[in-house]
Amino acid sequence: MADEPSPPDEQSKSSNEPSRSAALRWLRTRGGRITVVVLVLAIAGGVGVYELLKPDLSKDFVVASGRIEGRITDILPKVSAWVVELPKDEGDAVRQGELLVRLDDQELRARRDAGAAAVESTNSRLAAQRWNLDVTTSEVTANIQVAQADLVAARAALERAKASAIKAKRDANRYTELAKQHYVAETLAETQRLNALVADRAVVEAAAAVDRAQRQLTLAHLGENRLDVLRAQVVALERDLDQARKNLAQQEEIIQSLTITSPLDGVVLTRPVELGERVNPQSMLFTLVSLQRLYLKAYVPEPLIGKVALGQKAQVWVDAYPDRPFAARVSRVSQQAEFTPKNVETRAERVKQVFGVELWFDDNPGGVLKPGMPGDGVIRIREGLPWFRPW
């Protein structure tokens, strides 16, 4: 029996099998390659767009590395004394007003006690001299007043004596004339002449009394000179008391200076003294650094220093806080170049010159920044650009 022909649909299906297999092979080869090429072009295009949009670091930013430093405060004693208490050591944090060191010296305290005794003694002598001046002033014033009254009375008595003498002399003359004319007895005329002589004698005595009263008044006024002397003594004692008080205040200040507290919030960098030592005014007790007055001392290569200016904003990253930038600003730019301050091996590195730049921190929250920390600063040349971490 002859073979029957296949149905039309089966023939077409069998005839399309080779073409489908070829298409699959083509997609797996040429098509896959096109897909890869498209993906590569897309990535390259994105990178190109990013390269066009990203800031030019060489023009818009300056990156500088360095270490954190701070303003140093030296603590020195005012006098020679012994170290009797020393609660702080190097690396310790200190608060303003907290005790750093307590000094003591018996000789200084003895001087303070002597100064207090001098003030008390001088004050007592001044009080006594003022009392003496007051009493003497009252006495001299009374003497002058009495002498003036005596002088007035003596002068009045002298005037009365003179008037009596004039009258007695007139009576004597009149009775003498009357006796010559035998109108009165001669004895009466003699009596009047005697009265005139007595009256003249009374005038002399009254004048002498005036002289004595004048001398007494002069002597009373001499007491004013004594008052001047006493006043001068009071003034001298007042000066002595003022000087004694100043000396005591100075000694008190010295005693108070034996207790030394921290003038700032910061960290102890050095403490070259030990408990029990005797220190002098030139001795270094502590060096402190304020945690609120820190800056990054960074170094900018010489070709880039022209882009850096005072007041430019910056951000600093430190190793201890890699994801936390700290705001800063350019506070100082050195006017003189120097060699790179680090150990290098090649001559090319040794001859590089840099400029020192200080990036002052706006804040040190929690005191996390410490002197000596290495840091990397990014100085923004053009405003408005986003910040970036330098590593």
Protein backbone atom coordinates (compact mmCIF):
# COMPACT_ATOMS: atom_id res chain seq x y z
CA MET A 1 0.00 0.00 0.00
CA ALA A 2 1.34 3.29 -1.07
CA ASP A 3 2.28 5.83 1.59
CA GLU A 4 -0.34 8.52 2.17
CA PRO A 5 0.71 12.17 2.02
CA SER A 6 0.95 14.14 5.27
CA PRO A 7 -1.64 16.74 6.12
CA PRO A 8 -0.89 20.31 5.05
CA ASP A 9 -0.60 21.63 8.56
CA GLU A 10 1.86 19.03 9.61
CA GLN A 11 3.92 19.73 6.53
CA SER A 12 4.09 23.44 7.32
CA LYS A 13 4.93 22.73 10.91
CA SER A 14 7.78 20.47 9.99
CA SER A 15 9.02 22.94 7.41
CA ASN A 16 9.14 25.83 9.99
CA GLU A 17 11.16 23.93 12.56
CA PRO A 18 14.55 24.70 10.95
CA SER A 19 13.79 28.43 10.69
CA ARG A 20 12.78 28.75 14.38
CA SER A 21 15.93 27.05 15.54
CA ALA A 22 17.98 29.40 13.45
CA ALA A 23 16.20 32.43 14.90
CA LEU A 24 16.85 31.26 18.46
CA ARG A 25 20.50 30.71 17.66
CA TRP A 26 20.69 34.23 16.16
CA LEU A 27 19.10 35.87 19.23
CA ARG A 28 21.42 34.00 21.53
CA THR A 29 24.40 35.29 19.61
CA ARG A 30 23.84 38.59 17.80
CA GLY A 31 20.87 39.70 19.92
CA GLY A 32 22.73 39.12 23.18
CA ARG A 33 25.61 41.14 21.93
CA ILE A 34 23.33 44.05 21.08
CA THR A 35 21.78 43.94 24.54
CA VAL A 36 25.20 44.11 26.20
CA VAL A 37 26.20 46.95 23.92
CA VAL A 38 23.04 48.87 24.81
CA LEU A 39 23.65 48.39 28.52
CA VAL A 40 27.26 49.50 28.19
CA LEU A 41 26.21 52.59 26.26
CA ALA A 42 23.60 53.42 28.88
CA ILE A 43 26.13 53.18 31.71
CA ALA A 44 28.65 55.22 29.78
CA GLY A 45 26.01 57.82 29.09
CA GLY A 46 25.15 58.04 32.78
CA VAL A 47 28.77 58.40 33.70
CA GLY A 48 29.14 61.07 31.10
CA VAL A 49 26.17 63.00 32.46
CA TYR A 50 27.59 62.68 35.99
CA GLU A 51 30.96 63.88 34.80
CA LEU A 52 29.26 66.88 33.22
CA LEU A 53 27.20 67.71 36.31
CA LYS A 54 29.59 66.97 39.19
CA PRO A 55 31.67 69.86 40.63
CA ASP A 56 35.24 70.32 39.51
CA LEU A 57 37.17 69.48 42.66
CA SER A 58 40.32 71.17 41.43
CA LYS A 59 38.45 74.45 40.93
CA ASP A 60 35.64 74.40 43.48
CA PHE A 61 37.30 72.83 46.54
CA VAL A 62 40.66 72.70 48.26
CA VAL A 63 41.42 69.65 50.38
CA ALA A 64 44.01 70.00 53.14
CA SER A 65 45.10 67.66 55.90
CA GLY A 66 46.54 68.39 59.31
CA ARG A 67 45.96 68.05 63.03
CA ILE A 68 43.62 69.71 65.47
CA GLU A 69 45.24 72.32 67.68
CA GLY A 70 44.03 74.92 70.12
CA ARG A 71 44.95 78.12 71.90
CA ILE A 72 47.32 77.23 74.71
CA THR A 73 46.96 78.72 78.21
CA ASP A 74 49.96 78.50 80.54
CA ILE A 75 49.35 78.33 84.28
CA LEU A 76 52.16 79.84 86.39
CA PRO A 77 52.34 80.51 90.15
CA LYS A 78 52.68 84.05 91.46
CA VAL A 79 54.98 83.16 94.36
CA SER A 80 57.25 80.40 95.54
CA ALA A 81 55.36 77.74 97.48
CA TRP A 82 54.97 74.02 98.06
CA VAL A 83 52.58 71.84 96.05
CA VAL A 84 50.22 70.31 98.62
CA GLU A 85 47.30 69.19 96.41
CA LEU A 86 47.37 68.14 92.76
CA PRO A 87 44.10 66.53 91.62
CA LYS A 88 44.59 66.89 87.84
CA ASP A 89 46.94 65.07 85.50
CA GLU A 90 47.83 65.22 81.81
CA GLY A 91 44.90 64.39 79.55
CA ASP A 92 42.27 65.17 82.19
CA ALA A 93 39.30 67.30 81.24
CA VAL A 94 38.78 70.38 83.41
CA ARG A 95 35.89 72.76 83.89
CA GLN A 96 36.18 76.49 84.48
CA GLY A 97 36.67 77.14 88.20
CA GLU A 98 37.72 73.56 88.95
CA LEU A 99 40.75 73.10 91.23
CA LEU A 100 44.02 72.47 89.41
CA VAL A 101 46.58 72.74 92.19
CA ARG A 102 46.77 73.99 95.76
CA LEU A 103 49.98 75.55 97.05
CA ASP A 104 50.97 76.52 100.58
CA ASP A 105 53.79 78.27 102.43
CA GLN A 106 53.97 79.07 106.14
CA GLU A 107 56.14 82.14 105.59
CA LEU A 108 53.50 83.67 103.34
CA ARG A 109 50.80 83.02 105.92
CA ALA A 110 53.03 84.55 108.63
CA ARG A 111 53.39 87.68 106.49
CA ARG A 112 49.63 87.83 106.07
CA ASP A 113 49.14 87.54 109.85
CA ALA A 114 51.75 90.25 110.46
CA GLY A 115 49.98 92.47 107.96
CA ALA A 116 46.67 91.95 109.75
CA ALA A 117 48.33 92.81 113.09
CA ALA A 118 49.85 95.96 111.55
CA VAL A 119 46.42 97.06 110.35
CA GLU A 120 44.90 96.51 113.77
CA SER A 121 47.74 98.32 115.58
CA THR A 122 47.73 101.28 113.22
CA ASN A 123 43.96 101.51 113.43
CA SER A 124 44.15 101.63 117.24
CA ARG A 125 46.81 104.34 117.24
CA LEU A 126 44.80 106.33 114.72
CA ALA A 127 41.68 106.09 116.89
CA ALA A 128 43.65 107.28 119.94
CA GLN A 129 45.20 110.14 118.01
CA ARG A 130 41.82 111.23 116.69
CA TRP A 131 40.45 111.23 120.22
CA ASN A 132 43.44 113.27 121.38
CA LEU A 133 42.87 115.71 118.55
CA ASP A 134 39.21 116.11 119.46
CA VAL A 135 39.98 116.71 123.15
CA THR A 136 42.81 119.10 122.39
CA THR A 137 40.66 120.96 119.89
CA SER A 138 37.97 121.44 122.54
CA GLU A 139 40.58 122.55 125.07
CA VAL A 140 42.27 125.00 122.73
CA THR A 141 38.94 126.39 121.60
CA ALA A 142 37.87 126.91 125.23
CA ASN A 143 41.19 128.56 126.12
CA ILE A 144 40.90 130.93 123.20
CA GLN A 145 37.35 131.80 124.12
CA VAL A 146 38.31 132.45 127.77
CA ALA A 147 41.33 134.52 126.74
CA GLN A 148 39.22 136.55 124.37
CA ALA A 149 36.65 137.18 127.13
CA ASP A 150 39.40 138.19 129.58
CA LEU A 151 40.88 140.55 127.04
CA VAL A 152 37.50 142.16 126.44
CA ALA A 153 36.98 142.55 130.23
CA ALA A 154 40.50 143.96 130.71
CA ARG A 155 39.97 146.50 127.95
CA ALA A 156 36.66 147.51 129.48
CA ALA A 157 38.31 147.89 132.88
CA LEU A 158 41.02 149.99 131.31
CA GLU A 159 38.44 152.29 129.75
CA ARG A 160 36.68 152.66 133.09
CA ALA A 161 39.96 153.35 134.86
CA LYS A 162 40.83 156.02 132.31
CA ALA A 163 37.46 157.65 132.74
CA SER A 164 37.82 157.55 136.52
CA ALA A 165 41.31 159.02 136.28
CA ILE A 166 40.09 161.88 134.09
CA LYS A 167 37.27 162.65 136.54
CA ALA A 168 39.61 162.38 139.54
CA LYS A 169 42.09 164.70 137.91
CA ARG A 170 39.39 167.25 137.16
CA ASP A 171 38.08 167.04 140.73
CA ALA A 172 41.60 167.48 142.12
CA ASN A 173 42.17 170.56 139.97
CA ARG A 174 38.83 172.08 140.92
CA TYR A 175 39.22 171.45 144.63
CA THR A 176 42.74 172.82 144.53
CA GLU A 177 41.44 176.07 143.02
CA LEU A 178 38.63 176.19 145.56
CA ALA A 179 41.08 175.63 148.40
CA LYS A 180 43.23 178.49 147.12
CA GLN A 181 40.15 180.71 147.24
CA HIS A 182 39.36 179.34 150.69
CA TYR A 183 36.03 177.98 149.60
CA VAL A 184 36.94 174.47 150.77
CA ALA A 185 39.38 173.12 153.22
CA GLU A 186 42.87 172.29 152.04
CA THR A 187 42.49 168.78 153.35
CA LEU A 188 39.60 168.16 151.01
CA ALA A 189 41.66 169.40 148.08
CA GLU A 190 44.50 167.11 149.18
CA THR A 191 42.10 164.20 149.28
CA GLN A 192 41.02 164.88 145.69
CA ARG A 193 44.60 165.05 144.54
CA LEU A 194 45.24 161.68 146.23
CA ASN A 195 42.19 160.25 144.50
CA ALA A 196 43.58 161.44 141.17
CA LEU A 197 46.87 159.68 141.85
CA VAL A 198 44.99 156.48 142.76
CA ALA A 199 42.96 156.76 139.59
CA ASP A 200 46.13 157.15 137.52
CA ARG A 201 47.56 154.07 139.23
CA ALA A 202 44.38 152.17 138.44
CA VAL A 203 44.79 153.09 134.77
CA VAL A 204 48.31 151.69 134.80
CA GLU A 205 47.14 148.49 136.44
CA ALA A 206 44.23 148.16 134.01
CA ALA A 207 46.60 148.59 131.06
CA ALA A 208 48.84 145.90 132.54
CA ALA A 209 45.79 143.64 132.83
CA VAL A 210 45.04 144.21 129.16
CA ASP A 211 48.61 143.25 128.28
CA ARG A 212 48.30 140.07 130.34
CA ALA A 213 44.98 139.19 128.69
CA GLN A 214 46.51 139.78 125.26
CA ARG A 215 49.42 137.46 126.09
CA GLN A 216 46.98 134.82 127.34
CA LEU A 217 45.08 135.06 124.10
CA THR A 218 48.31 134.73 122.17
CA LEU A 219 49.21 131.65 124.20
CA ALA A 220 45.75 130.24 123.61
CA HIS A 221 46.19 130.68 119.86
CA LEU A 222 49.52 128.88 120.10
CA GLY A 223 47.42 125.87 120.98
CA GLU A 224 46.20 125.94 117.39
CA ASN A 225 49.74 125.12 116.32
CA ARG A 226 49.53 122.08 118.55
CA LEU A 227 46.32 121.17 116.79
CA ASP A 228 48.08 121.44 113.44
CA VAL A 229 50.71 119.01 114.69
CA LEU A 230 48.06 116.60 115.90
CA ARG A 231 46.18 116.85 112.61
CA ALA A 232 49.38 116.09 110.72
CA GLN A 233 49.92 113.07 112.94
CA VAL A 234 46.37 111.90 112.25
CA VAL A 235 46.92 112.29 108.50
CA ALA A 236 50.20 110.35 108.73
CA LEU A 237 48.50 107.56 110.65
CA GLU A 238 45.69 107.49 108.08
CA ARG A 239 48.31 107.05 105.35
CA ASP A 240 49.98 104.34 107.40
CA LEU A 241 46.66 102.60 107.87
CA ASP A 242 45.88 102.83 104.17
CA GLN A 243 49.29 101.38 103.31
CA ALA A 244 48.90 98.65 105.92
CA ARG A 245 45.53 97.72 104.44
CA LYS A 246 47.01 97.62 100.95
CA ASN A 247 49.82 95.40 102.19
CA LEU A 248 47.28 93.13 103.87
CA ALA A 249 45.15 93.00 100.72
CA GLN A 250 48.26 92.09 98.74
CA GLN A 251 49.10 89.33 101.20
CA GLU A 252 45.51 88.10 101.08
CA GLU A 253 45.66 88.06 97.29
CA ILE A 254 48.87 86.05 97.46
CA ILE A 255 47.26 83.58 99.86
CA GLN A 256 44.27 83.29 97.55
CA SER A 257 46.58 82.74 94.58
CA LEU A 258 47.86 79.61 96.30
CA THR A 259 44.59 77.98 95.23
CA ILE A 260 44.72 77.81 91.43
CA THR A 261 41.61 76.94 89.44
CA SER A 262 41.06 76.45 85.73
CA PRO A 263 40.24 79.65 83.81
CA LEU A 264 38.47 77.68 81.06
CA ASP A 265 36.78 74.48 79.99
CA GLY A 266 39.44 72.37 78.38
CA VAL A 267 42.02 69.64 78.64
CA VAL A 268 45.33 69.41 80.50
CA LEU A 269 48.09 69.10 77.92
CA THR A 270 51.10 69.04 80.26
CA ARG A 271 51.65 68.97 84.02
CA PRO A 272 55.39 69.13 84.70
CA VAL A 273 55.09 69.37 88.52
CA GLU A 274 54.61 66.72 91.17
CA LEU A 275 53.09 66.67 94.62
CA GLY A 276 55.48 67.94 97.30
CA GLU A 277 57.64 70.04 94.95
CA ARG A 278 58.48 73.68 95.62
CA VAL A 279 57.67 75.84 92.64
CA ASN A 280 58.85 79.31 91.72
CA PRO A 281 57.00 82.14 89.93
CA GLN A 282 58.69 81.09 86.67
CA SER A 283 57.74 77.43 87.05
CA MET A 284 55.24 75.94 84.64
CA LEU A 285 52.38 74.23 86.46
CA PHE A 286 49.98 73.38 83.64
CA THR A 287 49.35 74.00 79.97
CA LEU A 288 45.66 73.95 79.09
CA VAL A 289 43.80 74.05 75.82
CA SER A 290 40.21 75.18 75.46
CA LEU A 291 37.90 72.67 73.77
CA GLN A 292 35.79 75.57 72.46
CA ARG A 293 38.72 77.28 70.77
CA LEU A 294 40.01 74.57 68.46
CA TYR A 295 41.14 74.71 64.85
CA LEU A 296 42.55 72.37 62.24
CA LYS A 297 46.12 73.35 61.38
CA ALA A 298 46.19 72.17 57.79
CA TYR A 299 48.67 72.62 54.97
CA VAL A 300 47.76 73.67 51.45
CA PRO A 301 50.18 73.13 48.55
CA GLU A 302 51.70 76.27 47.17
CA PRO A 303 49.89 76.15 43.78
CA LEU A 304 46.48 76.12 45.50
CA ILE A 305 47.03 78.75 48.20
CA GLY A 306 45.82 81.55 45.93
CA LYS A 307 42.31 80.10 46.07
CA VAL A 308 42.10 80.21 49.85
CA ALA A 309 40.82 83.37 51.55
CA LEU A 310 39.82 84.36 55.07
CA GLY A 311 36.22 83.60 55.98
CA GLN A 312 35.70 80.80 53.45
CA LYS A 313 33.50 78.01 54.74
CA ALA A 314 34.94 74.57 55.28
CA GLN A 315 34.11 71.18 56.71
CA VAL A 316 36.45 68.88 58.57
CA TRP A 317 36.37 65.11 58.88
CA VAL A 318 38.28 63.23 61.58
CA ASP A 319 39.05 59.53 61.79
CA ALA A 320 37.17 59.09 65.06
CA TYR A 321 33.91 60.27 63.47
CA PRO A 322 34.17 59.34 59.77
CA ASP A 323 30.47 60.04 59.03
CA ARG A 324 30.21 63.30 60.96
CA PRO A 325 31.52 66.52 59.36
CA PHE A 326 32.33 69.53 61.54
CA ALA A 327 31.64 73.03 60.24
CA ALA A 328 34.61 75.39 60.14
CA ARG A 329 35.87 78.53 58.46
CA VAL A 330 39.23 79.82 57.30
CA SER A 331 40.52 82.00 60.14
CA ARG A 332 44.18 82.37 59.20
CA VAL A 333 46.36 81.94 56.14
CA SER A 334 50.11 81.94 56.58
CA GLN A 335 52.00 84.59 54.67
CA GLN A 336 55.12 82.49 54.34
CA ALA A 337 55.63 79.10 52.73
CA GLU A 338 57.29 76.23 54.54
CA PHE A 339 58.37 72.71 53.79
CA THR A 340 55.90 69.92 54.30
CA PRO A 341 55.96 69.25 58.08
CA LYS A 342 56.23 65.46 57.96
CA ASN A 343 58.79 62.75 57.43
CA VAL A 344 59.18 61.94 53.75
CA GLU A 345 61.52 59.71 51.80
CA THR A 346 61.86 61.15 48.32
CA ARG A 347 63.49 64.42 47.39
CA ALA A 348 60.38 65.40 45.45
CA GLU A 349 58.36 65.27 48.65
CA ARG A 350 61.04 67.01 50.72
CA VAL A 351 61.19 70.07 48.51
CA LYS A 352 57.42 70.57 48.35
CA GLN A 353 56.37 73.80 49.95
CA VAL A 354 53.03 74.42 51.62
CA PHE A 355 51.20 77.23 53.40
CA GLY A 356 49.73 76.77 56.84
CA VAL A 357 45.98 77.37 57.06
CA GLU A 358 43.85 77.43 60.21
CA LEU A 359 40.28 76.16 59.95
CA TRP A 360 38.47 77.44 63.03
CA PHE A 361 35.64 75.21 64.25
CA ASP A 362 32.28 76.90 64.66
CA ASP A 363 31.42 74.56 67.52
CA ASN A 364 32.66 71.49 69.36
CA PRO A 365 29.46 69.82 70.53
CA GLY A 366 30.05 67.62 73.53
CA GLY A 367 33.77 68.35 73.41
CA VAL A 368 34.31 65.40 71.04
CA LEU A 369 37.12 67.12 69.18
CA LYS A 370 40.47 66.92 70.95
CA PRO A 371 43.88 68.47 70.27
CA GLY A 372 46.14 66.14 68.35
CA MET A 373 43.40 64.46 66.31
CA PRO A 374 44.29 64.16 62.61
CA GLY A 375 41.74 65.64 60.27
CA ASP A 376 41.00 66.42 56.66
CA GLY A 377 39.50 69.75 55.74
CA VAL A 378 37.53 70.64 52.64
CA ILE A 379 37.49 74.36 51.81
CA ARG A 380 34.66 75.38 49.48
CA ILE A 381 35.77 77.94 46.92
CA ARG A 382 32.40 78.36 45.18
CA GLU A 383 29.25 78.77 47.26
CA GLY A 384 26.21 76.57 46.79
CA LEU A 385 28.02 73.36 45.94
CA PRO A 386 27.27 70.20 47.94
CA TRP A 387 29.87 69.06 50.41
CA PHE A 388 31.71 65.79 50.01
CA ARG A 389 33.89 63.63 52.17
CA PRO A 390 37.54 63.81 51.04
CA TRP A 391 38.06 60.04 51.27
